[in-house]
Amino acid sequence: MRATYEAYILVKIKDGSQYVCALNRPPKRPDNLPPASLQEQIRYLATQVIWN
């Protein structure tokens, strides 16, 4: 995700390694716009969410 981070989570794996995951709130969609279509949601997940 690419915005202001809201929370950090420390993830500990059984082998002893640790990772910090950062989460944020997606921008609020204006009330005057219709709900996002499936294609818009897929595009958002592909471009705005960092998958590791």
N, C-alpha and C. Protein backbone atom coordinates (compact mmCIF):
# COMPACT_ATOMS: atom_id res chain seq x y z
N MET A 1 0.84 -1.17 0.00
CA MET A 1 0.00 0.00 0.00
C MET A 1 0.88 1.23 0.00
N ARG A 2 0.40 2.28 -0.59
CA ARG A 2 1.21 3.48 -0.70
C ARG A 2 0.42 4.67 -0.19
N ALA A 3 0.53 4.94 1.09
CA ALA A 3 -0.13 6.10 1.69
C ALA A 3 0.44 6.27 3.10
N THR A 4 -0.22 7.02 3.95
CA THR A 4 0.25 7.19 5.31
C THR A 4 -0.06 5.92 6.09
N TYR A 5 0.96 5.36 6.71
CA TYR A 5 0.76 4.12 7.44
C TYR A 5 0.00 4.36 8.73
N GLU A 6 -0.94 3.49 9.04
CA GLU A 6 -1.78 3.59 10.22
C GLU A 6 -1.33 2.64 11.32
N ALA A 7 -0.76 1.49 10.97
CA ALA A 7 -0.39 0.50 11.98
C ALA A 7 0.79 -0.33 11.50
N TYR A 8 1.56 -0.79 12.46
CA TYR A 8 2.67 -1.70 12.17
C TYR A 8 2.45 -2.99 12.95
N ILE A 9 2.74 -4.11 12.33
CA ILE A 9 2.57 -5.41 12.97
C ILE A 9 3.89 -6.15 12.87
N LEU A 10 4.39 -6.64 14.00
CA LEU A 10 5.61 -7.44 14.00
C LEU A 10 5.21 -8.90 13.87
N VAL A 11 5.69 -9.54 12.82
CA VAL A 11 5.37 -10.95 12.56
C VAL A 11 6.61 -11.77 12.86
N LYS A 12 6.48 -12.72 13.78
CA LYS A 12 7.59 -13.60 14.12
C LYS A 12 7.33 -14.99 13.55
N ILE A 13 8.30 -15.50 12.81
CA ILE A 13 8.19 -16.81 12.19
C ILE A 13 8.86 -17.84 13.10
N LYS A 14 8.41 -19.09 13.04
CA LYS A 14 8.94 -20.13 13.92
C LYS A 14 10.45 -20.30 13.80
N ASP A 15 11.03 -20.00 12.63
CA ASP A 15 12.47 -20.16 12.48
C ASP A 15 13.26 -19.01 13.11
N GLY A 16 12.58 -18.06 13.74
CA GLY A 16 13.25 -16.97 14.43
C GLY A 16 13.30 -15.66 13.66
N SER A 17 13.00 -15.69 12.38
CA SER A 17 13.03 -14.45 11.61
C SER A 17 11.81 -13.58 11.96
N GLN A 18 12.00 -12.27 11.82
CA GLN A 18 10.94 -11.32 12.13
C GLN A 18 10.74 -10.37 10.97
N TYR A 19 9.49 -9.96 10.75
CA TYR A 19 9.15 -9.04 9.68
C TYR A 19 8.19 -7.99 10.24
N VAL A 20 8.33 -6.76 9.77
CA VAL A 20 7.40 -5.71 10.14
C VAL A 20 6.47 -5.48 8.96
N CYS A 21 5.19 -5.58 9.20
CA CYS A 21 4.17 -5.34 8.17
C CYS A 21 3.49 -4.02 8.49
N ALA A 22 3.33 -3.19 7.50
CA ALA A 22 2.67 -1.90 7.68
C ALA A 22 1.31 -1.93 6.99
N LEU A 23 0.30 -1.48 7.69
CA LEU A 23 -1.06 -1.45 7.16
C LEU A 23 -1.55 -0.01 7.13
N ASN A 24 -2.36 0.31 6.17
CA ASN A 24 -2.98 1.62 6.15
C ASN A 24 -4.42 1.51 5.67
N ARG A 25 -5.14 2.56 5.88
CA ARG A 25 -6.54 2.61 5.49
C ARG A 25 -6.62 3.12 4.06
N PRO A 26 -7.36 2.41 3.19
CA PRO A 26 -7.49 2.92 1.81
C PRO A 26 -8.25 4.24 1.80
N PRO A 27 -8.00 5.09 0.80
CA PRO A 27 -8.71 6.37 0.74
C PRO A 27 -10.21 6.15 0.63
N LYS A 28 -10.97 7.02 1.29
CA LYS A 28 -12.43 6.91 1.27
C LYS A 28 -12.95 7.35 -0.09
N ARG A 29 -13.85 6.57 -0.62
CA ARG A 29 -14.47 6.88 -1.91
C ARG A 29 -15.56 7.93 -1.67
N PRO A 30 -15.60 8.99 -2.47
CA PRO A 30 -16.63 10.03 -2.29
C PRO A 30 -18.04 9.43 -2.38
N ASP A 31 -18.95 10.00 -1.60
CA ASP A 31 -20.32 9.48 -1.55
C ASP A 31 -21.07 9.61 -2.87
N ASN A 32 -20.67 10.57 -3.71
CA ASN A 32 -21.42 10.79 -4.95
C ASN A 32 -21.00 9.83 -6.07
N LEU A 33 -20.02 8.96 -5.83
CA LEU A 33 -19.60 7.99 -6.83
C LEU A 33 -20.26 6.63 -6.55
N PRO A 34 -20.58 5.89 -7.60
CA PRO A 34 -21.15 4.56 -7.39
C PRO A 34 -20.09 3.62 -6.81
N PRO A 35 -20.51 2.50 -6.24
CA PRO A 35 -19.52 1.54 -5.70
C PRO A 35 -18.54 1.09 -6.79
N ALA A 36 -17.34 0.75 -6.38
CA ALA A 36 -16.30 0.33 -7.33
C ALA A 36 -16.68 -0.99 -7.98
N SER A 37 -16.44 -1.05 -9.28
CA SER A 37 -16.72 -2.29 -10.01
C SER A 37 -15.64 -3.31 -9.68
N LEU A 38 -15.88 -4.54 -10.05
CA LEU A 38 -14.91 -5.61 -9.81
C LEU A 38 -13.58 -5.29 -10.50
N GLN A 39 -13.63 -4.76 -11.72
CA GLN A 39 -12.41 -4.41 -12.44
C GLN A 39 -11.63 -3.31 -11.71
N GLU A 40 -12.33 -2.32 -11.16
CA GLU A 40 -11.67 -1.26 -10.41
C GLU A 40 -11.02 -1.81 -9.14
N GLN A 41 -11.70 -2.72 -8.47
CA GLN A 41 -11.16 -3.34 -7.27
C GLN A 41 -9.91 -4.15 -7.59
N ILE A 42 -9.93 -4.90 -8.68
CA ILE A 42 -8.77 -5.70 -9.10
C ILE A 42 -7.61 -4.78 -9.44
N ARG A 43 -7.88 -3.69 -10.16
CA ARG A 43 -6.84 -2.74 -10.52
C ARG A 43 -6.23 -2.10 -9.27
N TYR A 44 -7.07 -1.76 -8.29
CA TYR A 44 -6.58 -1.18 -7.04
C TYR A 44 -5.65 -2.16 -6.32
N LEU A 45 -6.07 -3.42 -6.22
CA LEU A 45 -5.24 -4.43 -5.55
C LEU A 45 -3.93 -4.66 -6.28
N ALA A 46 -3.95 -4.58 -7.59
CA ALA A 46 -2.74 -4.83 -8.37
C ALA A 46 -1.77 -3.66 -8.32
N THR A 47 -2.27 -2.43 -8.18
CA THR A 47 -1.39 -1.27 -8.27
C THR A 47 -1.13 -0.58 -6.93
N GLN A 48 -1.98 -0.73 -5.94
CA GLN A 48 -1.86 0.02 -4.70
C GLN A 48 -1.52 -0.84 -3.49
N VAL A 49 -1.49 -2.15 -3.65
CA VAL A 49 -1.18 -3.05 -2.54
C VAL A 49 0.15 -3.73 -2.87
N ILE A 50 1.06 -3.70 -1.92
CA ILE A 50 2.36 -4.34 -2.12
C ILE A 50 2.27 -5.76 -1.58
N TRP A 51 2.44 -6.73 -2.47
CA TRP A 51 2.33 -8.15 -2.10
C TRP A 51 3.74 -8.71 -2.01
N ASN A 52 4.06 -9.32 -0.87
CA ASN A 52 5.37 -9.96 -0.70
C ASN A 52 5.21 -11.45 -0.53
